[in-house]
Amino acid sequence: MQYVQRHFRQHTYSPTYREIMVAMRWKSPNASFYTVAALAEKGLIDFTPGKRRSLVLTKSGRKY
């Protein structure tokens, strides 16, 4: 979550799954996908499936 927030502040657009993967030092972009899905389920972010750079911080996510 902190990486996504920092990326928004620095670039004003959302990171890709691959960028999240590299930042977190994971070996698969699937880990990023499942993490984003879990954050969306918790109401911290919203995204459009199948669309690149569609992550949006919700009001709750901005406070996190």
PDB file of N, CA and C in Angstrom:
ATOM      1  N   MET A   1       0.817  -1.186   0.000  1.00  0.00           N
ATOM      2  CA  MET A   1       0.000   0.000   0.000  1.00  0.00           C
ATOM      3  C   MET A   1       0.866   1.258   0.000  1.00  0.00           C
ATOM      4  N   GLN A   2       1.922   1.245   0.788  1.00  0.00           N
ATOM      5  CA  GLN A   2       2.803   2.419   0.847  1.00  0.00           C
ATOM      6  C   GLN A   2       3.467   2.683  -0.501  1.00  0.00           C
ATOM      7  N   TYR A   3       3.844   1.600  -1.204  1.00  0.00           N
ATOM      8  CA  TYR A   3       4.469   1.795  -2.513  1.00  0.00           C
ATOM      9  C   TYR A   3       3.482   2.442  -3.482  1.00  0.00           C
ATOM     10  N   VAL A   4       2.254   1.984  -3.491  1.00  0.00           N
ATOM     11  CA  VAL A   4       1.242   2.546  -4.394  1.00  0.00           C
ATOM     12  C   VAL A   4       1.014   4.020  -4.068  1.00  0.00           C
ATOM     13  N   GLN A   5       0.891   4.352  -2.799  1.00  0.00           N
ATOM     14  CA  GLN A   5       0.712   5.750  -2.397  1.00  0.00           C
ATOM     15  C   GLN A   5       1.903   6.607  -2.836  1.00  0.00           C
ATOM     16  N   ARG A   6       3.113   6.112  -2.609  1.00  0.00           N
ATOM     17  CA  ARG A   6       4.321   6.856  -2.979  1.00  0.00           C
ATOM     18  C   ARG A   6       4.397   7.052  -4.494  1.00  0.00           C
ATOM     19  N   HIS A   7       4.050   6.015  -5.241  1.00  0.00           N
ATOM     20  CA  HIS A   7       4.082   6.104  -6.708  1.00  0.00           C
ATOM     21  C   HIS A   7       3.104   7.167  -7.201  1.00  0.00           C
ATOM     22  N   PHE A   8       1.901   7.207  -6.625  1.00  0.00           N
ATOM     23  CA  PHE A   8       0.929   8.238  -6.987  1.00  0.00           C
ATOM     24  C   PHE A   8       1.483   9.638  -6.720  1.00  0.00           C
ATOM     25  N   ARG A   9       2.095   9.825  -5.565  1.00  0.00           N
ATOM     26  CA  ARG A   9       2.640  11.151  -5.226  1.00  0.00           C
ATOM     27  C   ARG A   9       3.751  11.558  -6.181  1.00  0.00           C
ATOM     28  N   GLN A  10       4.605  10.620  -6.550  1.00  0.00           N
ATOM     29  CA  GLN A  10       5.751  10.944  -7.393  1.00  0.00           C
ATOM     30  C   GLN A  10       5.398  11.083  -8.869  1.00  0.00           C
ATOM     31  N   HIS A  11       4.444  10.305  -9.359  1.00  0.00           N
ATOM     32  CA  HIS A  11       4.184  10.244 -10.796  1.00  0.00           C
ATOM     33  C   HIS A  11       2.787  10.688 -11.215  1.00  0.00           C
ATOM     34  N   THR A  12       1.862  10.830 -10.295  1.00  0.00           N
ATOM     35  CA  THR A  12       0.465  11.198 -10.526  1.00  0.00           C
ATOM     36  C   THR A  12      -0.307  10.181 -11.373  1.00  0.00           C
ATOM     37  N   TYR A  13       0.211   8.977 -11.508  1.00  0.00           N
ATOM     38  CA  TYR A  13      -0.521   7.880 -12.143  1.00  0.00           C
ATOM     39  C   TYR A  13      -0.157   6.597 -11.412  1.00  0.00           C
ATOM     40  N   SER A  14      -0.955   5.579 -11.616  1.00  0.00           N
ATOM     41  CA  SER A  14      -0.769   4.354 -10.836  1.00  0.00           C
ATOM     42  C   SER A  14       0.335   3.468 -11.414  1.00  0.00           C
ATOM     43  N   PRO A  15       0.928   2.631 -10.577  1.00  0.00           N
ATOM     44  CA  PRO A  15       1.949   1.699 -11.052  1.00  0.00           C
ATOM     45  C   PRO A  15       1.303   0.503 -11.752  1.00  0.00           C
ATOM     46  N   THR A  16       2.059  -0.152 -12.609  1.00  0.00           N
ATOM     47  CA  THR A  16       1.600  -1.393 -13.234  1.00  0.00           C
ATOM     48  C   THR A  16       1.867  -2.543 -12.272  1.00  0.00           C
ATOM     49  N   TYR A  17       1.273  -3.696 -12.568  1.00  0.00           N
ATOM     50  CA  TYR A  17       1.535  -4.875 -11.742  1.00  0.00           C
ATOM     51  C   TYR A  17       3.024  -5.208 -11.758  1.00  0.00           C
ATOM     52  N   ARG A  18       3.658  -5.063 -12.900  1.00  0.00           N
ATOM     53  CA  ARG A  18       5.091  -5.366 -13.011  1.00  0.00           C
ATOM     54  C   ARG A  18       5.922  -4.404 -12.169  1.00  0.00           C
ATOM     55  N   GLU A  19       5.566  -3.125 -12.162  1.00  0.00           N
ATOM     56  CA  GLU A  19       6.291  -2.157 -11.335  1.00  0.00           C
ATOM     57  C   GLU A  19       6.126  -2.485  -9.844  1.00  0.00           C
ATOM     58  N   ILE A  20       4.934  -2.896  -9.449  1.00  0.00           N
ATOM     59  CA  ILE A  20       4.718  -3.303  -8.059  1.00  0.00           C
ATOM     60  C   ILE A  20       5.573  -4.519  -7.752  1.00  0.00           C
ATOM     61  N   MET A  21       5.590  -5.490  -8.688  1.00  0.00           N
ATOM     62  CA  MET A  21       6.378  -6.711  -8.515  1.00  0.00           C
ATOM     63  C   MET A  21       7.860  -6.384  -8.296  1.00  0.00           C
ATOM     64  N   VAL A  22       8.409  -5.525  -9.121  1.00  0.00           N
ATOM     65  CA  VAL A  22       9.824  -5.163  -9.019  1.00  0.00           C
ATOM     66  C   VAL A  22      10.098  -4.432  -7.699  1.00  0.00           C
ATOM     67  N   ALA A  23       9.227  -3.500  -7.345  1.00  0.00           N
ATOM     68  CA  ALA A  23       9.418  -2.730  -6.111  1.00  0.00           C
ATOM     69  C   ALA A  23       9.373  -3.623  -4.876  1.00  0.00           C
ATOM     70  N   MET A  24       8.532  -4.643  -4.910  1.00  0.00           N
ATOM     71  CA  MET A  24       8.390  -5.536  -3.761  1.00  0.00           C
ATOM     72  C   MET A  24       9.350  -6.729  -3.828  1.00  0.00           C
ATOM     73  N   ARG A  25      10.117  -6.810  -4.902  1.00  0.00           N
ATOM     74  CA  ARG A  25      11.081  -7.896  -5.132  1.00  0.00           C
ATOM     75  C   ARG A  25      10.416  -9.272  -5.189  1.00  0.00           C
ATOM     76  N   TRP A  26       9.226  -9.293  -5.798  1.00  0.00           N
ATOM     77  CA  TRP A  26       8.541 -10.558  -6.021  1.00  0.00           C
ATOM     78  C   TRP A  26       8.995 -11.119  -7.353  1.00  0.00           C
ATOM     79  N   LYS A  27       8.798 -12.403  -7.569  1.00  0.00           N
ATOM     80  CA  LYS A  27       9.243 -13.052  -8.798  1.00  0.00           C
ATOM     81  C   LYS A  27       8.142 -13.171  -9.848  1.00  0.00           C
ATOM     82  N   SER A  28       6.917 -12.891  -9.481  1.00  0.00           N
ATOM     83  CA  SER A  28       5.797 -13.052 -10.401  1.00  0.00           C
ATOM     84  C   SER A  28       4.840 -11.872 -10.303  1.00  0.00           C
ATOM     85  N   PRO A  29       4.357 -11.378 -11.451  1.00  0.00           N
ATOM     86  CA  PRO A  29       3.361 -10.307 -11.406  1.00  0.00           C
ATOM     87  C   PRO A  29       2.023 -10.778 -10.827  1.00  0.00           C
ATOM     88  N   ASN A  30       1.806 -12.097 -10.758  1.00  0.00           N
ATOM     89  CA  ASN A  30       0.583 -12.612 -10.146  1.00  0.00           C
ATOM     90  C   ASN A  30       0.480 -12.207  -8.688  1.00  0.00           C
ATOM     91  N   ALA A  31       1.599 -12.139  -7.992  1.00  0.00           N
ATOM     92  CA  ALA A  31       1.595 -11.699  -6.592  1.00  0.00           C
ATOM     93  C   ALA A  31       1.057 -10.273  -6.501  1.00  0.00           C
ATOM     94  N   SER A  32       1.438  -9.438  -7.453  1.00  0.00           N
ATOM     95  CA  SER A  32       0.936  -8.061  -7.490  1.00  0.00           C
ATOM     96  C   SER A  32      -0.564  -8.047  -7.729  1.00  0.00           C
ATOM     97  N   PHE A  33      -1.018  -8.872  -8.662  1.00  0.00           N
ATOM     98  CA  PHE A  33      -2.443  -8.925  -8.977  1.00  0.00           C
ATOM     99  C   PHE A  33      -3.263  -9.314  -7.750  1.00  0.00           C
ATOM    100  N   TYR A  34      -2.839 -10.356  -7.047  1.00  0.00           N
ATOM    101  CA  TYR A  34      -3.581 -10.812  -5.880  1.00  0.00           C
ATOM    102  C   TYR A  34      -3.518  -9.800  -4.733  1.00  0.00           C
ATOM    103  N   THR A  35      -2.401  -9.104  -4.608  1.00  0.00           N
ATOM    104  CA  THR A  35      -2.289  -8.067  -3.581  1.00  0.00           C
ATOM    105  C   THR A  35      -3.225  -6.906  -3.890  1.00  0.00           C
ATOM    106  N   VAL A  36      -3.263  -6.480  -5.149  1.00  0.00           N
ATOM    107  CA  VAL A  36      -4.164  -5.398  -5.563  1.00  0.00           C
ATOM    108  C   VAL A  36      -5.618  -5.820  -5.338  1.00  0.00           C
ATOM    109  N   ALA A  37      -5.937  -7.059  -5.683  1.00  0.00           N
ATOM    110  CA  ALA A  37      -7.303  -7.553  -5.479  1.00  0.00           C
ATOM    111  C   ALA A  37      -7.668  -7.539  -3.989  1.00  0.00           C
ATOM    112  N   ALA A  38      -6.733  -7.922  -3.127  1.00  0.00           N
ATOM    113  CA  ALA A  38      -6.987  -7.924  -1.686  1.00  0.00           C
ATOM    114  C   ALA A  38      -7.177  -6.499  -1.166  1.00  0.00           C
ATOM    115  N   LEU A  39      -6.373  -5.557  -1.661  1.00  0.00           N
ATOM    116  CA  LEU A  39      -6.521  -4.161  -1.242  1.00  0.00           C
ATOM    117  C   LEU A  39      -7.860  -3.593  -1.717  1.00  0.00           C
ATOM    118  N   ALA A  40      -8.289  -4.000  -2.903  1.00  0.00           N
ATOM    119  CA  ALA A  40      -9.589  -3.556  -3.414  1.00  0.00           C
ATOM    120  C   ALA A  40     -10.720  -4.141  -2.575  1.00  0.00           C
ATOM    121  N   GLU A  41     -10.580  -5.390  -2.181  1.00  0.00           N
ATOM    122  CA  GLU A  41     -11.598  -6.025  -1.344  1.00  0.00           C
ATOM    123  C   GLU A  41     -11.726  -5.328   0.009  1.00  0.00           C
ATOM    124  N   LYS A  42     -10.617  -4.815   0.514  1.00  0.00           N
ATOM    125  CA  LYS A  42     -10.627  -4.087   1.788  1.00  0.00           C
ATOM    126  C   LYS A  42     -11.111  -2.646   1.618  1.00  0.00           C
ATOM    127  N   GLY A  43     -11.311  -2.226   0.361  1.00  0.00           N
ATOM    128  CA  GLY A  43     -11.810  -0.881   0.103  1.00  0.00           C
ATOM    129  C   GLY A  43     -10.743   0.195   0.096  1.00  0.00           C
ATOM    130  N   LEU A  44      -9.470  -0.193   0.000  1.00  0.00           N
ATOM    131  CA  LEU A  44      -8.384   0.789   0.023  1.00  0.00           C
ATOM    132  C   LEU A  44      -8.056   1.337  -1.359  1.00  0.00           C
ATOM    133  N   ILE A  45      -8.305   0.528  -2.386  1.00  0.00           N
ATOM    134  CA  ILE A  45      -8.085   0.974  -3.762  1.00  0.00           C
ATOM    135  C   ILE A  45      -9.233   0.480  -4.624  1.00  0.00           C
ATOM    136  N   ASP A  46      -9.322   1.035  -5.806  1.00  0.00           N
ATOM    137  CA  ASP A  46     -10.282   0.581  -6.803  1.00  0.00           C
ATOM    138  C   ASP A  46      -9.503   0.447  -8.103  1.00  0.00           C
ATOM    139  N   PHE A  47      -9.930  -0.459  -8.974  1.00  0.00           N
ATOM    140  CA  PHE A  47      -9.256  -0.621 -10.255  1.00  0.00           C
ATOM    141  C   PHE A  47     -10.213  -1.200 -11.278  1.00  0.00           C
ATOM    142  N   THR A  48      -9.874  -1.034 -12.557  1.00  0.00           N
ATOM    143  CA  THR A  48     -10.641  -1.598 -13.646  1.00  0.00           C
ATOM    144  C   THR A  48      -9.895  -2.810 -14.163  1.00  0.00           C
ATOM    145  N   PRO A  49     -10.460  -4.013 -14.002  1.00  0.00           N
ATOM    146  CA  PRO A  49      -9.774  -5.217 -14.482  1.00  0.00           C
ATOM    147  C   PRO A  49      -9.471  -5.141 -15.978  1.00  0.00           C
ATOM    148  N   GLY A  50      -8.270  -5.549 -16.343  1.00  0.00           N
ATOM    149  CA  GLY A  50      -7.866  -5.568 -17.741  1.00  0.00           C
ATOM    150  C   GLY A  50      -7.365  -4.240 -18.290  1.00  0.00           C
ATOM    151  N   LYS A  51      -7.409  -3.195 -17.497  1.00  0.00           N
ATOM    152  CA  LYS A  51      -6.954  -1.882 -17.956  1.00  0.00           C
ATOM    153  C   LYS A  51      -5.686  -1.502 -17.210  1.00  0.00           C
ATOM    154  N   ARG A  52      -4.647  -1.127 -17.940  1.00  0.00           N
ATOM    155  CA  ARG A  52      -3.375  -0.758 -17.326  1.00  0.00           C
ATOM    156  C   ARG A  52      -3.475   0.567 -16.592  1.00  0.00           C
ATOM    157  N   ARG A  53      -2.736   0.657 -15.508  1.00  0.00           N
ATOM    158  CA  ARG A  53      -2.630   1.883 -14.706  1.00  0.00           C
ATOM    159  C   ARG A  53      -3.990   2.429 -14.293  1.00  0.00           C
ATOM    160  N   SER A  54      -4.895   1.530 -13.910  1.00  0.00           N
ATOM    161  CA  SER A  54      -6.242   1.968 -13.529  1.00  0.00           C
ATOM    162  C   SER A  54      -6.453   2.006 -12.021  1.00  0.00           C
ATOM    163  N   LEU A  55      -5.396   1.801 -11.240  1.00  0.00           N
ATOM    164  CA  LEU A  55      -5.538   1.845  -9.784  1.00  0.00           C
ATOM    165  C   LEU A  55      -5.894   3.257  -9.343  1.00  0.00           C
ATOM    166  N   VAL A  56      -6.831   3.339  -8.415  1.00  0.00           N
ATOM    167  CA  VAL A  56      -7.241   4.617  -7.846  1.00  0.00           C
ATOM    168  C   VAL A  56      -7.333   4.422  -6.339  1.00  0.00           C
ATOM    169  N   LEU A  57      -6.706   5.290  -5.593  1.00  0.00           N
ATOM    170  CA  LEU A  57      -6.821   5.235  -4.134  1.00  0.00           C
ATOM    171  C   LEU A  57      -8.206   5.710  -3.727  1.00  0.00           C
ATOM    172  N   THR A  58      -8.855   4.945  -2.877  1.00  0.00           N
ATOM    173  CA  THR A  58     -10.148   5.377  -2.349  1.00  0.00           C
ATOM    174  C   THR A  58      -9.897   6.351  -1.198  1.00  0.00           C
ATOM    175  N   LYS A  59     -10.974   6.913  -0.684  1.00  0.00           N
ATOM    176  CA  LYS A  59     -10.835   7.822   0.455  1.00  0.00           C
ATOM    177  C   LYS A  59     -10.174   7.111   1.627  1.00  0.00           C
ATOM    178  N   SER A  60     -10.559   5.856   1.868  1.00  0.00           N
ATOM    179  CA  SER A  60      -9.956   5.066   2.935  1.00  0.00           C
ATOM    180  C   SER A  60      -8.473   4.800   2.648  1.00  0.00           C
ATOM    181  N   GLY A  61      -8.139   4.546   1.389  1.00  0.00           N
ATOM    182  CA  GLY A  61      -6.762   4.276   1.008  1.00  0.00           C
ATOM    183  C   GLY A  61      -5.858   5.472   1.162  1.00  0.00           C
ATOM    184  N   ARG A  62      -6.381   6.661   0.950  1.00  0.00           N
ATOM    185  CA  ARG A  62      -5.573   7.868   1.119  1.00  0.00           C
ATOM    186  C   ARG A  62      -5.250   8.116   2.585  1.00  0.00           C
ATOM    187  N   LYS A  63      -6.117   7.650   3.492  1.00  0.00           N
ATOM    188  CA  LYS A  63      -5.903   7.833   4.924  1.00  0.00           C
ATOM    189  C   LYS A  63      -4.974   6.781   5.504  1.00  0.00           C
ATOM    190  N   TYR A  64      -4.855   5.649   4.841  1.00  0.00           N
ATOM    191  CA  TYR A  64      -4.099   4.502   5.340  1.00  0.00           C
ATOM    192  C   TYR A  64      -2.651   4.819   5.553  1.00  0.00           C
TER     193      TYR A  64
END
